[in-house]
Amino acid sequence: MADGEQVRRFFAEVEALLGPTDVVVLNAGVLERGPIEEFTDEQFDRVLGVNLRGAFLCARAAWKGLARNRGRLIAMGSISGTLGTAEAAAYNASKWGLTGLVKSLAEEGREAGIFCAAVLPGSVDTDMLRKTPFEPQMTPTDVARVVRFLAGEAPFALTGSAVEVFG
């Protein structure tokens, strides 16, 4: 996700096989937790590399195809991108940044008809959540239904939105 050349090659191969991109769901993410004084540069770079840089690279690689198809780009953010959480500074910063990226891309893609939105789920029953002190409040299927709506039938008036999903 964080290697620009690999991402570019992946999207070029997909377009050669399937044609221009209709929908891209940016769903890669990692979580590393720890107190700031113990958190390493490498941990911070890994979290931002996958969660934010990777999303940027994928969006950039898919952009021309999305423009040809008046496509849709949906990013999986987190409610953590709206608040602070102890021992999760890198993760929260990456998700705050992802929301900003999506909102900016929505404006950049508006004239080309590219729809962009972020989904900000709360506590979803996943392996990642099990690394936190939080209890699940919803299932992955709950979140998938929101993504499906945004990727298909949501009106263009929702472009640039950050949809909070709490379960």
C-alpha atoms as a PDB file:
ATOM      1  CA  MET A   1       0.000   0.000   0.000  1.00  0.00           C
ATOM      2  CA  ALA A   2       2.800   2.436   0.715  1.00  0.00           C
ATOM      3  CA  ASP A   3       4.863   1.671  -2.410  1.00  0.00           C
ATOM      4  CA  GLY A   4       3.758   4.044  -5.160  1.00  0.00           C
ATOM      5  CA  GLU A   5       5.158   1.958  -8.015  1.00  0.00           C
ATOM      6  CA  GLN A   6       3.434  -1.240  -6.849  1.00  0.00           C
ATOM      7  CA  VAL A   7       0.127   0.581  -6.427  1.00  0.00           C
ATOM      8  CA  ARG A   8       0.413   2.162  -9.889  1.00  0.00           C
ATOM      9  CA  ARG A   9       1.211  -1.224 -11.441  1.00  0.00           C
ATOM     10  CA  PHE A  10      -1.735  -2.874  -9.656  1.00  0.00           C
ATOM     11  CA  PHE A  11      -4.252  -0.315 -10.929  1.00  0.00           C
ATOM     12  CA  ALA A  12      -2.782  -0.456 -14.452  1.00  0.00           C
ATOM     13  CA  GLU A  13      -3.182  -4.261 -14.464  1.00  0.00           C
ATOM     14  CA  VAL A  14      -6.743  -4.048 -13.174  1.00  0.00           C
ATOM     15  CA  GLU A  15      -7.661  -1.454 -15.809  1.00  0.00           C
ATOM     16  CA  ALA A  16      -6.082  -3.576 -18.563  1.00  0.00           C
ATOM     17  CA  LEU A  17      -8.172  -6.575 -17.462  1.00  0.00           C
ATOM     18  CA  LEU A  18     -11.445  -4.912 -16.487  1.00  0.00           C
ATOM     19  CA  GLY A  19     -11.436  -1.428 -17.983  1.00  0.00           C
ATOM     20  CA  PRO A  20     -11.581   1.932 -16.206  1.00  0.00           C
ATOM     21  CA  THR A  21     -12.388   1.946 -12.525  1.00  0.00           C
ATOM     22  CA  ASP A  22     -16.003   2.413 -11.425  1.00  0.00           C
ATOM     23  CA  VAL A  23     -15.596   2.185  -7.657  1.00  0.00           C
ATOM     24  CA  VAL A  24     -12.593   2.145  -5.360  1.00  0.00           C
ATOM     25  CA  VAL A  25     -12.936   1.325  -1.675  1.00  0.00           C
ATOM     26  CA  LEU A  26      -9.861   2.337   0.276  1.00  0.00           C
ATOM     27  CA  ASN A  27      -9.979  -0.223   3.072  1.00  0.00           C
ATOM     28  CA  ALA A  28      -6.386  -1.017   4.058  1.00  0.00           C
ATOM     29  CA  GLY A  29      -5.497  -0.083   7.588  1.00  0.00           C
ATOM     30  CA  VAL A  30      -3.172  -0.923  10.437  1.00  0.00           C
ATOM     31  CA  LEU A  31      -3.260  -0.096  14.121  1.00  0.00           C
ATOM     32  CA  GLU A  32      -0.285   0.112  16.406  1.00  0.00           C
ATOM     33  CA  ARG A  33      -0.840   1.262  19.956  1.00  0.00           C
ATOM     34  CA  GLY A  34       1.571   2.493  22.573  1.00  0.00           C
ATOM     35  CA  PRO A  35       2.528   5.439  24.729  1.00  0.00           C
ATOM     36  CA  ILE A  36       4.132   8.295  22.794  1.00  0.00           C
ATOM     37  CA  GLU A  37       7.454   8.025  24.610  1.00  0.00           C
ATOM     38  CA  GLU A  38       7.785   4.374  23.566  1.00  0.00           C
ATOM     39  CA  PHE A  39       6.338   4.658  20.052  1.00  0.00           C
ATOM     40  CA  THR A  40       9.076   4.331  17.438  1.00  0.00           C
ATOM     41  CA  ASP A  41       9.584   6.329  14.260  1.00  0.00           C
ATOM     42  CA  GLU A  42       9.141   3.086  12.319  1.00  0.00           C
ATOM     43  CA  GLN A  43       5.762   2.381  13.953  1.00  0.00           C
ATOM     44  CA  PHE A  44       4.542   5.895  13.204  1.00  0.00           C
ATOM     45  CA  ASP A  45       5.748   5.720   9.594  1.00  0.00           C
ATOM     46  CA  ARG A  46       4.120   2.300   9.081  1.00  0.00           C
ATOM     47  CA  VAL A  47       0.715   3.445  10.362  1.00  0.00           C
ATOM     48  CA  LEU A  48       0.704   6.655   8.312  1.00  0.00           C
ATOM     49  CA  GLY A  49       2.247   4.857   5.345  1.00  0.00           C
ATOM     50  CA  VAL A  50      -0.569   2.325   5.096  1.00  0.00           C
ATOM     51  CA  ASN A  51      -3.515   4.336   6.414  1.00  0.00           C
ATOM     52  CA  LEU A  52      -2.875   7.688   4.747  1.00  0.00           C
ATOM     53  CA  ARG A  53      -0.116   7.496   2.148  1.00  0.00           C
ATOM     54  CA  GLY A  54      -1.512   4.217   0.806  1.00  0.00           C
ATOM     55  CA  ALA A  55      -4.952   5.783   0.418  1.00  0.00           C
ATOM     56  CA  PHE A  56      -3.428   8.728  -1.448  1.00  0.00           C
ATOM     57  CA  LEU A  57      -1.452   6.421  -3.751  1.00  0.00           C
ATOM     58  CA  CYS A  58      -4.512   4.298  -4.563  1.00  0.00           C
ATOM     59  CA  ALA A  59      -6.704   7.335  -5.179  1.00  0.00           C
ATOM     60  CA  ARG A  60      -4.091   8.867  -7.473  1.00  0.00           C
ATOM     61  CA  ALA A  61      -3.606   5.617  -9.398  1.00  0.00           C
ATOM     62  CA  ALA A  62      -7.366   5.170  -9.913  1.00  0.00           C
ATOM     63  CA  TRP A  63      -8.213   8.835 -10.559  1.00  0.00           C
ATOM     64  CA  LYS A  64      -8.190   8.884 -14.385  1.00  0.00           C
ATOM     65  CA  GLY A  65     -10.372   5.769 -14.543  1.00  0.00           C
ATOM     66  CA  LEU A  66     -12.762   7.214 -11.989  1.00  0.00           C
ATOM     67  CA  ALA A  67     -12.986  10.410 -14.057  1.00  0.00           C
ATOM     68  CA  ARG A  68     -13.770   8.455 -17.253  1.00  0.00           C
ATOM     69  CA  ASN A  69     -16.599   6.595 -15.501  1.00  0.00           C
ATOM     70  CA  ARG A  70     -17.816   9.353 -13.182  1.00  0.00           C
ATOM     71  CA  GLY A  71     -16.795   6.829 -10.542  1.00  0.00           C
ATOM     72  CA  ARG A  72     -16.881   6.630  -6.793  1.00  0.00           C
ATOM     73  CA  LEU A  73     -14.134   6.576  -4.204  1.00  0.00           C
ATOM     74  CA  ILE A  74     -15.045   5.460  -0.689  1.00  0.00           C
ATOM     75  CA  ALA A  75     -12.488   5.530   2.124  1.00  0.00           C
ATOM     76  CA  MET A  76     -12.740   3.567   5.349  1.00  0.00           C
ATOM     77  CA  GLY A  77     -11.901   6.040   8.044  1.00  0.00           C
ATOM     78  CA  SER A  78     -12.735   5.698  11.703  1.00  0.00           C
ATOM     79  CA  ILE A  79     -14.558   7.568  14.392  1.00  0.00           C
ATOM     80  CA  SER A  80     -11.021   7.817  15.812  1.00  0.00           C
ATOM     81  CA  GLY A  81     -10.493  10.382  13.067  1.00  0.00           C
ATOM     82  CA  THR A  82     -12.753  12.761  15.004  1.00  0.00           C
ATOM     83  CA  LEU A  83     -11.382  12.379  18.522  1.00  0.00           C
ATOM     84  CA  GLY A  84      -8.291  11.591  20.538  1.00  0.00           C
ATOM     85  CA  THR A  85      -7.513   8.206  22.055  1.00  0.00           C
ATOM     86  CA  ALA A  86      -4.713   7.486  24.511  1.00  0.00           C
ATOM     87  CA  GLU A  87      -1.923   5.369  23.021  1.00  0.00           C
ATOM     88  CA  ALA A  88      -3.335   5.652  19.486  1.00  0.00           C
ATOM     89  CA  ALA A  89      -1.865   8.963  18.287  1.00  0.00           C
ATOM     90  CA  ALA A  90      -0.526   7.622  14.980  1.00  0.00           C
ATOM     91  CA  TYR A  91      -3.745   5.765  14.132  1.00  0.00           C
ATOM     92  CA  ASN A  92      -5.960   8.720  15.017  1.00  0.00           C
ATOM     93  CA  ALA A  93      -3.721  11.153  13.113  1.00  0.00           C
ATOM     94  CA  SER A  94      -3.851   8.906  10.038  1.00  0.00           C
ATOM     95  CA  LYS A  95      -7.650   8.742  10.157  1.00  0.00           C
ATOM     96  CA  TRP A  96      -8.013  12.524  10.684  1.00  0.00           C
ATOM     97  CA  GLY A  97      -5.764  12.924   7.649  1.00  0.00           C
ATOM     98  CA  LEU A  98      -7.782  10.433   5.619  1.00  0.00           C
ATOM     99  CA  THR A  99     -10.969  12.420   6.161  1.00  0.00           C
ATOM    100  CA  GLY A 100      -9.187  15.582   5.014  1.00  0.00           C
ATOM    101  CA  LEU A 101      -7.831  13.774   1.964  1.00  0.00           C
ATOM    102  CA  VAL A 102     -11.299  12.546   0.963  1.00  0.00           C
ATOM    103  CA  LYS A 103     -12.893  15.954   1.447  1.00  0.00           C
ATOM    104  CA  SER A 104     -10.181  17.546  -0.715  1.00  0.00           C
ATOM    105  CA  LEU A 105     -10.495  14.880  -3.410  1.00  0.00           C
ATOM    106  CA  ALA A 106     -14.261  15.423  -3.462  1.00  0.00           C
ATOM    107  CA  GLU A 107     -13.676  19.045  -4.376  1.00  0.00           C
ATOM    108  CA  GLU A 108     -10.985  18.164  -6.907  1.00  0.00           C
ATOM    109  CA  GLY A 109     -13.218  15.551  -8.540  1.00  0.00           C
ATOM    110  CA  ARG A 110     -16.472  17.513  -8.444  1.00  0.00           C
ATOM    111  CA  GLU A 111     -16.331  18.811 -12.045  1.00  0.00           C
ATOM    112  CA  ALA A 112     -15.366  15.370 -13.371  1.00  0.00           C
ATOM    113  CA  GLY A 113     -18.291  13.814 -11.492  1.00  0.00           C
ATOM    114  CA  ILE A 114     -16.106  11.755  -9.146  1.00  0.00           C
ATOM    115  CA  PHE A 115     -17.998  11.001  -5.941  1.00  0.00           C
ATOM    116  CA  CYS A 116     -15.827  10.772  -2.809  1.00  0.00           C
ATOM    117  CA  ALA A 117     -16.877   9.955   0.742  1.00  0.00           C
ATOM    118  CA  ALA A 118     -15.433   8.567   3.948  1.00  0.00           C
ATOM    119  CA  VAL A 119     -17.109   6.099   6.289  1.00  0.00           C
ATOM    120  CA  LEU A 120     -16.208   6.636   9.944  1.00  0.00           C
ATOM    121  CA  PRO A 121     -17.291   3.558  11.879  1.00  0.00           C
ATOM    122  CA  GLY A 122     -17.144   3.244  15.623  1.00  0.00           C
ATOM    123  CA  SER A 123     -16.412  -0.085  17.293  1.00  0.00           C
ATOM    124  CA  VAL A 124     -16.730  -2.831  14.664  1.00  0.00           C
ATOM    125  CA  ASP A 125     -16.272  -6.481  15.630  1.00  0.00           C
ATOM    126  CA  THR A 126     -12.888  -7.037  13.924  1.00  0.00           C
ATOM    127  CA  ASP A 127      -9.436  -8.323  14.785  1.00  0.00           C
ATOM    128  CA  MET A 128      -8.228  -4.713  14.860  1.00  0.00           C
ATOM    129  CA  LEU A 129     -10.784  -3.756  17.518  1.00  0.00           C
ATOM    130  CA  ARG A 130      -9.573  -6.634  19.682  1.00  0.00           C
ATOM    131  CA  LYS A 131      -6.262  -4.765  20.023  1.00  0.00           C
ATOM    132  CA  THR A 132      -8.122  -1.981  21.851  1.00  0.00           C
ATOM    133  CA  PRO A 133     -10.011  -1.685  25.143  1.00  0.00           C
ATOM    134  CA  PHE A 134     -13.293  -1.036  23.267  1.00  0.00           C
ATOM    135  CA  GLU A 135     -16.259  -3.394  22.945  1.00  0.00           C
ATOM    136  CA  PRO A 136     -17.860  -4.014  19.534  1.00  0.00           C
ATOM    137  CA  GLN A 137     -21.043  -2.075  18.801  1.00  0.00           C
ATOM    138  CA  MET A 138     -21.684  -3.353  15.262  1.00  0.00           C
ATOM    139  CA  THR A 139     -20.712  -5.988  12.724  1.00  0.00           C
ATOM    140  CA  PRO A 140     -18.668  -5.614   9.548  1.00  0.00           C
ATOM    141  CA  THR A 141     -21.898  -6.241   7.633  1.00  0.00           C
ATOM    142  CA  ASP A 142     -23.429  -3.107   9.177  1.00  0.00           C
ATOM    143  CA  VAL A 143     -20.555  -1.024   7.833  1.00  0.00           C
ATOM    144  CA  ALA A 144     -20.555  -2.816   4.464  1.00  0.00           C
ATOM    145  CA  ARG A 145     -24.168  -1.788   3.927  1.00  0.00           C
ATOM    146  CA  VAL A 146     -23.200   1.880   4.331  1.00  0.00           C
ATOM    147  CA  VAL A 147     -20.265   1.446   1.940  1.00  0.00           C
ATOM    148  CA  ARG A 148     -22.531  -0.250  -0.602  1.00  0.00           C
ATOM    149  CA  PHE A 149     -25.003   2.648  -0.399  1.00  0.00           C
ATOM    150  CA  LEU A 150     -22.255   5.242  -0.922  1.00  0.00           C
ATOM    151  CA  ALA A 151     -20.652   3.210  -3.726  1.00  0.00           C
ATOM    152  CA  GLY A 152     -23.918   2.875  -5.622  1.00  0.00           C
ATOM    153  CA  GLU A 153     -27.059   4.779  -4.900  1.00  0.00           C
ATOM    154  CA  ALA A 154     -26.011   7.723  -2.727  1.00  0.00           C
ATOM    155  CA  PRO A 155     -26.817  11.029  -4.411  1.00  0.00           C
ATOM    156  CA  PHE A 156     -23.933  13.184  -5.613  1.00  0.00           C
ATOM    157  CA  ALA A 157     -25.029  15.730  -2.996  1.00  0.00           C
ATOM    158  CA  LEU A 158     -23.235  13.494  -0.454  1.00  0.00           C
ATOM    159  CA  THR A 159     -19.838  13.866  -2.127  1.00  0.00           C
ATOM    160  CA  GLY A 160     -17.253  15.011   0.406  1.00  0.00           C
ATOM    161  CA  SER A 161     -19.218  13.638   3.321  1.00  0.00           C
ATOM    162  CA  ALA A 162     -17.793  11.792   6.294  1.00  0.00           C
ATOM    163  CA  VAL A 163     -20.498   9.382   7.383  1.00  0.00           C
ATOM    164  CA  GLU A 164     -20.299   8.457  11.059  1.00  0.00           C
ATOM    165  CA  VAL A 165     -21.564   4.938  11.791  1.00  0.00           C
ATOM    166  CA  PHE A 166     -22.022   3.949  15.420  1.00  0.00           C
ATOM    167  CA  GLY A 167     -24.209   0.834  15.455  1.00  0.00           C
END
